[in-house]
Each structure stands twice: as structure tokens, then as C-alpha cells.
Amino acid sequence: MKEYPLTRLIPNMLTMISLFGGLTAVRFALQERWEAAALAIVIASVFDVLDGRVARMLGMTSKFGAELDSLADLTSFGVAPALVLYLWGLSAGGGAFGWTAVLVFAACSALRLARFNTMLEDLTAPKWTKGYFTGVPAPAGAGLALLPLFLFNEYGDVMRSMPALLSLWMILSGALMVSRIPTLAMKGRGVPRVFVAPIMAAVCLIVAGLFTDTWMTLSLMSGVYFLMIPFGWLSYRRRAQKESKGTTHA
């Protein structure tokens, strides 16, 4: 009988842990343990990053793993954040509009992930485009949507008493996921040597912040990512113009 390499299971197990994180966030929300609910989704995002990296490092990427990852992402970064935010700030005063925001956010996450899977099969895209996502990735979209909850955990009642504003923020976060706006991706990018030390220092600062002031750090990370979206679009546009000129001259 043909043996199945044990290492081949590692990426998929990491994906399952990410799925468990999203489902556990809903359980914590039902218990009104808002800090634990938010952290569960953050932990799910960490394992979501790890599963793809580990799969590529081990040379264990597969169609099955990609499909499993998308299903886990839909649960952890589409359904779970929407339900957590509904139970936190919309179930009491959000009404029909609040529930509509939940449905829109979950639907946008599903559409974004479906589009991502189809784009993986596009072999005609220029290699440089791998440094960009089309729209905001699902984990980042969840982080943006959860920004009001991060602020609540740090400062208290922020946006919870304004269900209409919270609903609009969720819809905006969902719209960014399905948009065609290019956003920066880590893969496919190199780092000039002069920036290695500053980047390492910044990462250490972020990690220290997560340990010492978790909610403030997560709030800043979500806010900075939101503000960086236009820079990703500008970077993509400049690169596209550069490549277009290079092709014309050739």
C-alpha cells in the first residue's frame, strides 16, 4: 500500500486550525466574551498565513489544499466576523439594516474567494502582478470589519451605540474585498538590503505592541492598512505604466 507523507498533512492541519479559530470566535461571541472572540479570529488569520507558506516551503501545494483553504477562509473571515459583529453591536438595535450588512459582508467574502481561485488558474497574467491582490484579501477584510470591536476592547463603547454606522462600515469592508482595487501583497516581492534592518525593527515593534497593548496595536494595524490601500493602487498603476512603456519600446 502506498504511504502518504506525514509532512503533506501539515499545511491542511494548519488550515483546519484556522477554521477552528473562526468557529470558536462565534462561540465566544455567544458567551459575550468579546476579547476572546476577536483574538480567535486574529489567531485564525495567523494560521491562514502559515498554511500557504508552509505548503510552498514543503512543496506540498495542491488543488485540494487550495479549496480547503478557501472554505476555511469563508468561515473564519467571512461568516465568523459578520456574526461576531452582529452579536456584539447589531442584534439589539441594528434591525433589518444590521442583518443586511451581515449578509452583504459574508457574500462579499465568498465572491472574493471565488474570484481568487479562478485567478489562480490564469497563466497569462504578467509575473509582476503576483505582488498585488485584486481587492482586499479576506483576512484583511475581516481585520478592517473588526476595527470597531478592537477599539471597543481598548476604549469601551465605540460605534456599538451607532448600529447604522457599524453596518455601513461592514458593507464598506465587504465592498473593498470584491473591488478591483489592487492591494499590496507580500509574495512576489523583494526587499532592498537597505530596508532589511528597518523592516525587522518594525516587525519587532509590532510584536512587542501585540504583547503589551494588544487592542491598540491591532487597531493601528487595521487603520494603517486601510490608509495604505490608495498607495497599493498607485504602486500598481505606476508599475503597469512602466511595463507598458517597456513593451512598447521593445
C-alpha atoms as a PDB file:
ATOM      1  CA  MET A   1       0.000   0.000   0.000  1.00  0.00           C
ATOM      2  CA  LYS A   2       1.350   3.402  -0.983  1.00  0.00           C
ATOM      3  CA  GLU A   3       2.335   5.504   2.022  1.00  0.00           C
ATOM      4  CA  TYR A   4       1.153   9.102   2.394  1.00  0.00           C
ATOM      5  CA  PRO A   5       3.902  11.502   3.535  1.00  0.00           C
ATOM      6  CA  LEU A   6       3.164  12.813   7.022  1.00  0.00           C
ATOM      7  CA  THR A   7       4.544  16.242   6.099  1.00  0.00           C
ATOM      8  CA  ARG A   8       1.819  16.525   3.461  1.00  0.00           C
ATOM      9  CA  LEU A   9      -0.745  16.777   6.244  1.00  0.00           C
ATOM     10  CA  ILE A  10       0.855  19.776   7.965  1.00  0.00           C
ATOM     11  CA  PRO A  11      -0.476  22.577   5.690  1.00  0.00           C
ATOM     12  CA  ASN A  12      -4.010  21.168   5.771  1.00  0.00           C
ATOM     13  CA  MET A  13      -3.890  20.806   9.554  1.00  0.00           C
ATOM     14  CA  LEU A  14      -2.865  24.461   9.827  1.00  0.00           C
ATOM     15  CA  THR A  15      -5.846  25.319   7.624  1.00  0.00           C
ATOM     16  CA  MET A  16      -8.136  23.342   9.923  1.00  0.00           C
ATOM     17  CA  ILE A  17      -6.788  25.211  12.959  1.00  0.00           C
ATOM     18  CA  SER A  18      -7.634  28.459  11.165  1.00  0.00           C
ATOM     19  CA  LEU A  19     -11.163  27.127  10.601  1.00  0.00           C
ATOM     20  CA  PHE A  20     -11.455  26.180  14.271  1.00  0.00           C
ATOM     21  CA  GLY A  21     -10.403  29.703  15.238  1.00  0.00           C
ATOM     22  CA  GLY A  22     -13.248  31.233  13.260  1.00  0.00           C
ATOM     23  CA  LEU A  23     -15.850  28.845  14.652  1.00  0.00           C
ATOM     24  CA  THR A  24     -14.579  29.345  18.196  1.00  0.00           C
ATOM     25  CA  ALA A  25     -14.899  33.107  17.755  1.00  0.00           C
ATOM     26  CA  VAL A  26     -18.638  32.634  17.216  1.00  0.00           C
ATOM     27  CA  ARG A  27     -18.849  30.526  20.379  1.00  0.00           C
ATOM     28  CA  PHE A  28     -17.088  33.239  22.397  1.00  0.00           C
ATOM     29  CA  ALA A  29     -19.419  35.860  20.923  1.00  0.00           C
ATOM     30  CA  LEU A  30     -22.465  33.849  22.014  1.00  0.00           C
ATOM     31  CA  GLN A  31     -20.965  33.942  25.514  1.00  0.00           C
ATOM     32  CA  GLU A  32     -20.345  37.721  25.151  1.00  0.00           C
ATOM     33  CA  ARG A  33     -16.600  37.212  25.569  1.00  0.00           C
ATOM     34  CA  TRP A  34     -15.700  39.886  23.040  1.00  0.00           C
ATOM     35  CA  GLU A  35     -11.944  39.976  23.598  1.00  0.00           C
ATOM     36  CA  ALA A  36     -11.684  36.211  23.190  1.00  0.00           C
ATOM     37  CA  ALA A  37     -13.874  36.327  20.070  1.00  0.00           C
ATOM     38  CA  ALA A  38     -11.684  38.964  18.420  1.00  0.00           C
ATOM     39  CA  LEU A  39      -8.478  37.142  19.376  1.00  0.00           C
ATOM     40  CA  ALA A  40      -9.791  33.863  17.962  1.00  0.00           C
ATOM     41  CA  ILE A  41     -10.199  35.475  14.535  1.00  0.00           C
ATOM     42  CA  VAL A  42      -6.759  37.104  14.789  1.00  0.00           C
ATOM     43  CA  ILE A  43      -5.238  33.712  15.610  1.00  0.00           C
ATOM     44  CA  ALA A  44      -7.131  32.197  12.676  1.00  0.00           C
ATOM     45  CA  SER A  45      -5.524  34.784  10.390  1.00  0.00           C
ATOM     46  CA  VAL A  46      -2.052  33.855  11.674  1.00  0.00           C
ATOM     47  CA  PHE A  47      -2.597  30.197  10.820  1.00  0.00           C
ATOM     48  CA  ASP A  48      -4.089  31.192   7.465  1.00  0.00           C
ATOM     49  CA  VAL A  49      -0.818  32.915   6.613  1.00  0.00           C
ATOM     50  CA  LEU A  50       1.209  29.950   7.838  1.00  0.00           C
ATOM     51  CA  ASP A  51      -0.612  27.219   5.915  1.00  0.00           C
ATOM     52  CA  GLY A  52       0.193  28.649   2.495  1.00  0.00           C
ATOM     53  CA  ARG A  53       3.791  29.469   3.408  1.00  0.00           C
ATOM     54  CA  VAL A  54       4.393  26.006   4.856  1.00  0.00           C
ATOM     55  CA  ALA A  55       2.787  24.323   1.850  1.00  0.00           C
ATOM     56  CA  ARG A  56       5.108  26.180  -0.542  1.00  0.00           C
ATOM     57  CA  MET A  57       8.168  25.525   1.630  1.00  0.00           C
ATOM     58  CA  LEU A  58       7.422  21.799   1.711  1.00  0.00           C
ATOM     59  CA  GLY A  59       6.410  21.674  -1.948  1.00  0.00           C
ATOM     60  CA  MET A  60       3.019  20.320  -0.888  1.00  0.00           C
ATOM     61  CA  THR A  61       0.657  22.702  -2.677  1.00  0.00           C
ATOM     62  CA  SER A  62      -2.390  21.002  -4.163  1.00  0.00           C
ATOM     63  CA  LYS A  63      -5.829  21.724  -5.597  1.00  0.00           C
ATOM     64  CA  PHE A  64      -7.377  20.059  -2.551  1.00  0.00           C
ATOM     65  CA  GLY A  65      -5.428  22.318  -0.195  1.00  0.00           C
ATOM     66  CA  ALA A  66      -6.428  25.431  -2.132  1.00  0.00           C
ATOM     67  CA  GLU A  67     -10.116  24.523  -1.993  1.00  0.00           C
ATOM     68  CA  LEU A  68      -9.919  23.641   1.699  1.00  0.00           C
ATOM     69  CA  ASP A  69      -8.180  26.939   2.405  1.00  0.00           C
ATOM     70  CA  SER A  70     -10.931  28.900   0.655  1.00  0.00           C
ATOM     71  CA  LEU A  71     -13.685  27.121   2.576  1.00  0.00           C
ATOM     72  CA  ALA A  72     -11.881  27.765   5.859  1.00  0.00           C
ATOM     73  CA  ASP A  73     -11.336  31.420   4.910  1.00  0.00           C
ATOM     74  CA  LEU A  74     -15.026  31.878   4.146  1.00  0.00           C
ATOM     75  CA  THR A  75     -15.905  30.574   7.593  1.00  0.00           C
ATOM     76  CA  SER A  76     -13.183  32.335   9.580  1.00  0.00           C
ATOM     77  CA  PHE A  77     -13.042  35.669   7.728  1.00  0.00           C
ATOM     78  CA  GLY A  78     -16.490  35.933   6.163  1.00  0.00           C
ATOM     79  CA  VAL A  79     -19.130  34.286   8.322  1.00  0.00           C
ATOM     80  CA  ALA A  80     -17.442  34.439  11.749  1.00  0.00           C
ATOM     81  CA  PRO A  81     -16.583  38.190  11.784  1.00  0.00           C
ATOM     82  CA  ALA A  82     -20.049  39.039  10.484  1.00  0.00           C
ATOM     83  CA  LEU A  83     -21.763  37.012  13.207  1.00  0.00           C
ATOM     84  CA  VAL A  84     -19.436  38.297  15.932  1.00  0.00           C
ATOM     85  CA  LEU A  85     -20.134  41.907  14.971  1.00  0.00           C
ATOM     86  CA  TYR A  86     -23.857  41.215  14.729  1.00  0.00           C
ATOM     87  CA  LEU A  87     -23.980  39.686  18.190  1.00  0.00           C
ATOM     88  CA  TRP A  88     -21.796  42.483  19.564  1.00  0.00           C
ATOM     89  CA  GLY A  89     -23.347  45.611  18.127  1.00  0.00           C
ATOM     90  CA  LEU A  90     -26.244  44.895  15.778  1.00  0.00           C
ATOM     91  CA  SER A  91     -28.527  42.271  17.308  1.00  0.00           C
ATOM     92  CA  ALA A  92     -30.133  44.747  19.709  1.00  0.00           C
ATOM     93  CA  GLY A  93     -30.514  47.900  17.627  1.00  0.00           C
ATOM     94  CA  GLY A  94     -29.325  47.096  14.116  1.00  0.00           C
ATOM     95  CA  GLY A  95     -32.683  45.895  12.824  1.00  0.00           C
ATOM     96  CA  ALA A  96     -33.066  44.749   9.248  1.00  0.00           C
ATOM     97  CA  PHE A  97     -30.251  47.000   8.019  1.00  0.00           C
ATOM     98  CA  GLY A  98     -27.843  45.430  10.508  1.00  0.00           C
ATOM     99  CA  TRP A  99     -28.663  41.924   9.321  1.00  0.00           C
ATOM    100  CA  THR A 100     -28.388  43.090   5.715  1.00  0.00           C
ATOM    101  CA  ALA A 101     -24.845  44.266   6.477  1.00  0.00           C
ATOM    102  CA  VAL A 102     -24.039  40.795   7.848  1.00  0.00           C
ATOM    103  CA  LEU A 103     -25.344  39.134   4.678  1.00  0.00           C
ATOM    104  CA  VAL A 104     -23.530  41.580   2.404  1.00  0.00           C
ATOM    105  CA  PHE A 105     -20.205  41.120   4.188  1.00  0.00           C
ATOM    106  CA  ALA A 106     -20.429  37.303   4.111  1.00  0.00           C
ATOM    107  CA  ALA A 107     -21.470  37.350   0.440  1.00  0.00           C
ATOM    108  CA  CYS A 108     -18.595  39.675  -0.487  1.00  0.00           C
ATOM    109  CA  SER A 109     -16.156  37.349   1.250  1.00  0.00           C
ATOM    110  CA  ALA A 110     -17.499  34.365  -0.708  1.00  0.00           C
ATOM    111  CA  LEU A 111     -17.327  36.245  -4.007  1.00  0.00           C
ATOM    112  CA  ARG A 112     -13.798  37.472  -3.288  1.00  0.00           C
ATOM    113  CA  LEU A 113     -12.558  33.955  -2.528  1.00  0.00           C
ATOM    114  CA  ALA A 114     -14.264  32.501  -5.620  1.00  0.00           C
ATOM    115  CA  ARG A 115     -12.630  35.158  -7.794  1.00  0.00           C
ATOM    116  CA  PHE A 116      -9.247  34.491  -6.174  1.00  0.00           C
ATOM    117  CA  ASN A 117      -9.486  30.778  -7.021  1.00  0.00           C
ATOM    118  CA  THR A 118     -10.328  31.468 -10.650  1.00  0.00           C
ATOM    119  CA  MET A 119      -7.480  33.967 -10.950  1.00  0.00           C
ATOM    120  CA  LEU A 120      -5.033  31.300  -9.763  1.00  0.00           C
ATOM    121  CA  GLU A 121      -5.767  29.425 -12.985  1.00  0.00           C
ATOM    122  CA  ASP A 122      -4.918  32.455 -15.137  1.00  0.00           C
ATOM    123  CA  LEU A 123      -1.459  31.687 -16.507  1.00  0.00           C
ATOM    124  CA  THR A 124      -1.432  34.686 -18.848  1.00  0.00           C
ATOM    125  CA  ALA A 125      -1.103  37.349 -16.129  1.00  0.00           C
ATOM    126  CA  PRO A 126       2.336  39.057 -16.025  1.00  0.00           C
ATOM    127  CA  LYS A 127       4.629  37.783 -13.303  1.00  0.00           C
ATOM    128  CA  TRP A 128       4.899  41.191 -11.609  1.00  0.00           C
ATOM    129  CA  THR A 129       1.147  41.198 -10.850  1.00  0.00           C
ATOM    130  CA  LYS A 130       1.751  38.477  -8.243  1.00  0.00           C
ATOM    131  CA  GLY A 131       2.894  41.293  -5.967  1.00  0.00           C
ATOM    132  CA  TYR A 132      -0.684  42.565  -5.810  1.00  0.00           C
ATOM    133  CA  PHE A 133      -4.091  41.267  -4.798  1.00  0.00           C
ATOM    134  CA  THR A 134      -7.263  42.234  -6.618  1.00  0.00           C
ATOM    135  CA  GLY A 135      -9.294  43.781  -3.842  1.00  0.00           C
ATOM    136  CA  VAL A 136      -8.654  43.386  -0.127  1.00  0.00           C
ATOM    137  CA  PRO A 137      -7.841  39.769   0.903  1.00  0.00           C
ATOM    138  CA  ALA A 138     -10.401  38.031   3.132  1.00  0.00           C
ATOM    139  CA  PRO A 139      -8.271  38.061   6.340  1.00  0.00           C
ATOM    140  CA  ALA A 140      -7.507  41.764   5.878  1.00  0.00           C
ATOM    141  CA  GLY A 141     -11.184  42.432   5.168  1.00  0.00           C
ATOM    142  CA  ALA A 142     -12.066  40.716   8.431  1.00  0.00           C
ATOM    143  CA  GLY A 143      -9.470  42.838  10.230  1.00  0.00           C
ATOM    144  CA  LEU A 144     -10.977  46.016   8.797  1.00  0.00           C
ATOM    145  CA  ALA A 145     -14.515  44.956   9.726  1.00  0.00           C
ATOM    146  CA  LEU A 146     -13.407  44.142  13.282  1.00  0.00           C
ATOM    147  CA  LEU A 147     -11.754  47.542  13.819  1.00  0.00           C
ATOM    148  CA  PRO A 148     -14.756  48.840  15.841  1.00  0.00           C
ATOM    149  CA  LEU A 149     -14.522  45.791  18.113  1.00  0.00           C
ATOM    150  CA  PHE A 150     -10.766  46.310  18.557  1.00  0.00           C
ATOM    151  CA  LEU A 151     -11.447  49.924  19.548  1.00  0.00           C
ATOM    152  CA  PHE A 152     -14.218  48.787  21.902  1.00  0.00           C
ATOM    153  CA  ASN A 153     -11.825  46.409  23.669  1.00  0.00           C
ATOM    154  CA  GLU A 154      -9.373  49.304  24.111  1.00  0.00           C
ATOM    155  CA  TYR A 155     -11.604  52.278  24.817  1.00  0.00           C
ATOM    156  CA  GLY A 156     -15.057  50.950  25.639  1.00  0.00           C
ATOM    157  CA  ASP A 157     -18.250  51.929  23.824  1.00  0.00           C
ATOM    158  CA  VAL A 158     -17.102  52.848  20.309  1.00  0.00           C
ATOM    159  CA  MET A 159     -19.644  52.506  17.457  1.00  0.00           C
ATOM    160  CA  ARG A 160     -21.591  49.910  19.446  1.00  0.00           C
ATOM    161  CA  SER A 161     -24.176  52.572  20.179  1.00  0.00           C
ATOM    162  CA  MET A 162     -24.263  53.529  16.473  1.00  0.00           C
ATOM    163  CA  PRO A 163     -25.513  50.380  14.702  1.00  0.00           C
ATOM    164  CA  ALA A 164     -26.182  52.209  11.434  1.00  0.00           C
ATOM    165  CA  LEU A 165     -22.552  53.398  11.270  1.00  0.00           C
ATOM    166  CA  LEU A 166     -21.285  49.921  12.173  1.00  0.00           C
ATOM    167  CA  SER A 167     -23.456  48.424   9.420  1.00  0.00           C
ATOM    168  CA  LEU A 168     -22.081  50.870   6.866  1.00  0.00           C
ATOM    169  CA  TRP A 169     -18.515  50.068   7.953  1.00  0.00           C
ATOM    170  CA  MET A 170     -19.167  46.340   7.448  1.00  0.00           C
ATOM    171  CA  ILE A 171     -20.621  46.979   3.998  1.00  0.00           C
ATOM    172  CA  LEU A 172     -17.609  49.149   3.088  1.00  0.00           C
ATOM    173  CA  SER A 173     -15.222  46.418   4.275  1.00  0.00           C
ATOM    174  CA  GLY A 174     -17.085  43.870   2.160  1.00  0.00           C
ATOM    175  CA  ALA A 175     -17.093  46.180  -0.858  1.00  0.00           C
ATOM    176  CA  LEU A 176     -13.307  46.574  -0.606  1.00  0.00           C
ATOM    177  CA  MET A 177     -12.942  42.784  -0.788  1.00  0.00           C
ATOM    178  CA  VAL A 178     -14.891  42.483  -4.058  1.00  0.00           C
ATOM    179  CA  SER A 179     -13.497  45.685  -5.559  1.00  0.00           C
ATOM    180  CA  ARG A 180     -10.973  45.681  -8.399  1.00  0.00           C
ATOM    181  CA  ILE A 181      -8.612  47.913  -6.403  1.00  0.00           C
ATOM    182  CA  PRO A 182      -5.057  46.476  -6.460  1.00  0.00           C
ATOM    183  CA  THR A 183      -3.694  45.986  -2.950  1.00  0.00           C
ATOM    184  CA  LEU A 184      -0.139  45.168  -1.941  1.00  0.00           C
ATOM    185  CA  ALA A 185       0.801  41.508  -1.419  1.00  0.00           C
ATOM    186  CA  MET A 186       3.883  40.189   0.358  1.00  0.00           C
ATOM    187  CA  LYS A 187       4.530  37.320  -2.031  1.00  0.00           C
ATOM    188  CA  GLY A 188       6.454  38.053  -5.187  1.00  0.00           C
ATOM    189  CA  ARG A 189       8.257  40.994  -3.593  1.00  0.00           C
ATOM    190  CA  GLY A 190      11.899  41.542  -2.788  1.00  0.00           C
ATOM    191  CA  VAL A 191      13.317  43.815  -0.114  1.00  0.00           C
ATOM    192  CA  PRO A 192      16.317  46.082  -0.804  1.00  0.00           C
ATOM    193  CA  ARG A 193      19.109  45.403   1.673  1.00  0.00           C
ATOM    194  CA  VAL A 194      18.976  48.953   2.991  1.00  0.00           C
ATOM    195  CA  PHE A 195      15.410  48.303   4.223  1.00  0.00           C
ATOM    196  CA  VAL A 196      16.050  44.944   5.889  1.00  0.00           C
ATOM    197  CA  ALA A 197      17.057  46.364   9.284  1.00  0.00           C
ATOM    198  CA  PRO A 198      14.213  48.933   9.462  1.00  0.00           C
ATOM    199  CA  ILE A 199      11.657  46.274   8.486  1.00  0.00           C
ATOM    200  CA  MET A 200      12.969  43.895  11.142  1.00  0.00           C
ATOM    201  CA  ALA A 201      12.797  46.689  13.710  1.00  0.00           C
ATOM    202  CA  ALA A 202       9.216  47.485  12.675  1.00  0.00           C
ATOM    203  CA  VAL A 203       8.194  43.828  12.966  1.00  0.00           C
ATOM    204  CA  CYS A 204       9.746  43.614  16.436  1.00  0.00           C
ATOM    205  CA  LEU A 205       7.895  46.797  17.418  1.00  0.00           C
ATOM    206  CA  ILE A 206       4.585  45.346  16.204  1.00  0.00           C
ATOM    207  CA  VAL A 207       5.132  42.057  18.038  1.00  0.00           C
ATOM    208  CA  ALA A 208       6.052  43.941  21.216  1.00  0.00           C
ATOM    209  CA  GLY A 209       2.918  46.023  20.824  1.00  0.00           C
ATOM    210  CA  LEU A 210       0.758  42.934  20.429  1.00  0.00           C
ATOM    211  CA  PHE A 211       2.080  41.602  23.729  1.00  0.00           C
ATOM    212  CA  THR A 212       1.935  44.862  25.687  1.00  0.00           C
ATOM    213  CA  ASP A 213      -1.102  46.695  24.234  1.00  0.00           C
ATOM    214  CA  THR A 214      -2.922  44.204  22.036  1.00  0.00           C
ATOM    215  CA  TRP A 215      -6.036  46.171  21.104  1.00  0.00           C
ATOM    216  CA  MET A 216      -4.301  49.458  20.414  1.00  0.00           C
ATOM    217  CA  THR A 217      -1.785  47.649  18.186  1.00  0.00           C
ATOM    218  CA  LEU A 218      -4.485  45.746  16.294  1.00  0.00           C
ATOM    219  CA  SER A 219      -6.473  48.978  15.872  1.00  0.00           C
ATOM    220  CA  LEU A 220      -3.412  50.749  14.477  1.00  0.00           C
ATOM    221  CA  MET A 221      -2.640  47.846  12.150  1.00  0.00           C
ATOM    222  CA  SER A 222      -6.183  47.872  10.751  1.00  0.00           C
ATOM    223  CA  GLY A 223      -6.175  51.661  10.415  1.00  0.00           C
ATOM    224  CA  VAL A 224      -2.779  51.790   8.718  1.00  0.00           C
ATOM    225  CA  TYR A 225      -3.791  49.009   6.305  1.00  0.00           C
ATOM    226  CA  PHE A 226      -6.922  50.961   5.376  1.00  0.00           C
ATOM    227  CA  LEU A 227      -4.861  54.094   4.724  1.00  0.00           C
ATOM    228  CA  MET A 228      -2.347  52.081   2.659  1.00  0.00           C
ATOM    229  CA  ILE A 229      -4.967  50.919   0.145  1.00  0.00           C
ATOM    230  CA  PRO A 230      -4.572  54.014  -2.103  1.00  0.00           C
ATOM    231  CA  PHE A 231      -0.782  53.528  -2.096  1.00  0.00           C
ATOM    232  CA  GLY A 232      -1.228  49.978  -3.381  1.00  0.00           C
ATOM    233  CA  TRP A 233      -3.395  51.271  -6.209  1.00  0.00           C
ATOM    234  CA  LEU A 234      -0.849  53.965  -7.092  1.00  0.00           C
ATOM    235  CA  SER A 235       2.015  51.452  -6.982  1.00  0.00           C
ATOM    236  CA  TYR A 236       0.154  49.108  -9.321  1.00  0.00           C
ATOM    237  CA  ARG A 237      -0.683  51.922 -11.709  1.00  0.00           C
ATOM    238  CA  ARG A 238       2.936  53.113 -11.888  1.00  0.00           C
ATOM    239  CA  ARG A 239       4.191  49.551 -12.445  1.00  0.00           C
ATOM    240  CA  ALA A 240       1.607  48.939 -15.161  1.00  0.00           C
ATOM    241  CA  GLN A 241       2.627  52.143 -16.953  1.00  0.00           C
ATOM    242  CA  LYS A 242       6.303  51.196 -16.650  1.00  0.00           C
ATOM    243  CA  GLU A 243       5.709  47.726 -18.056  1.00  0.00           C
ATOM    244  CA  SER A 244       3.568  49.166 -20.846  1.00  0.00           C
ATOM    245  CA  LYS A 245       6.325  51.573 -21.873  1.00  0.00           C
ATOM    246  CA  GLY A 246       8.887  48.764 -21.738  1.00  0.00           C
ATOM    247  CA  THR A 247       6.747  46.614 -24.017  1.00  0.00           C
ATOM    248  CA  THR A 248       6.222  49.485 -26.450  1.00  0.00           C
ATOM    249  CA  HIS A 249       9.956  50.225 -26.694  1.00  0.00           C
ATOM    250  CA  ALA A 250      10.714  46.550 -27.188  1.00  0.00           C
END
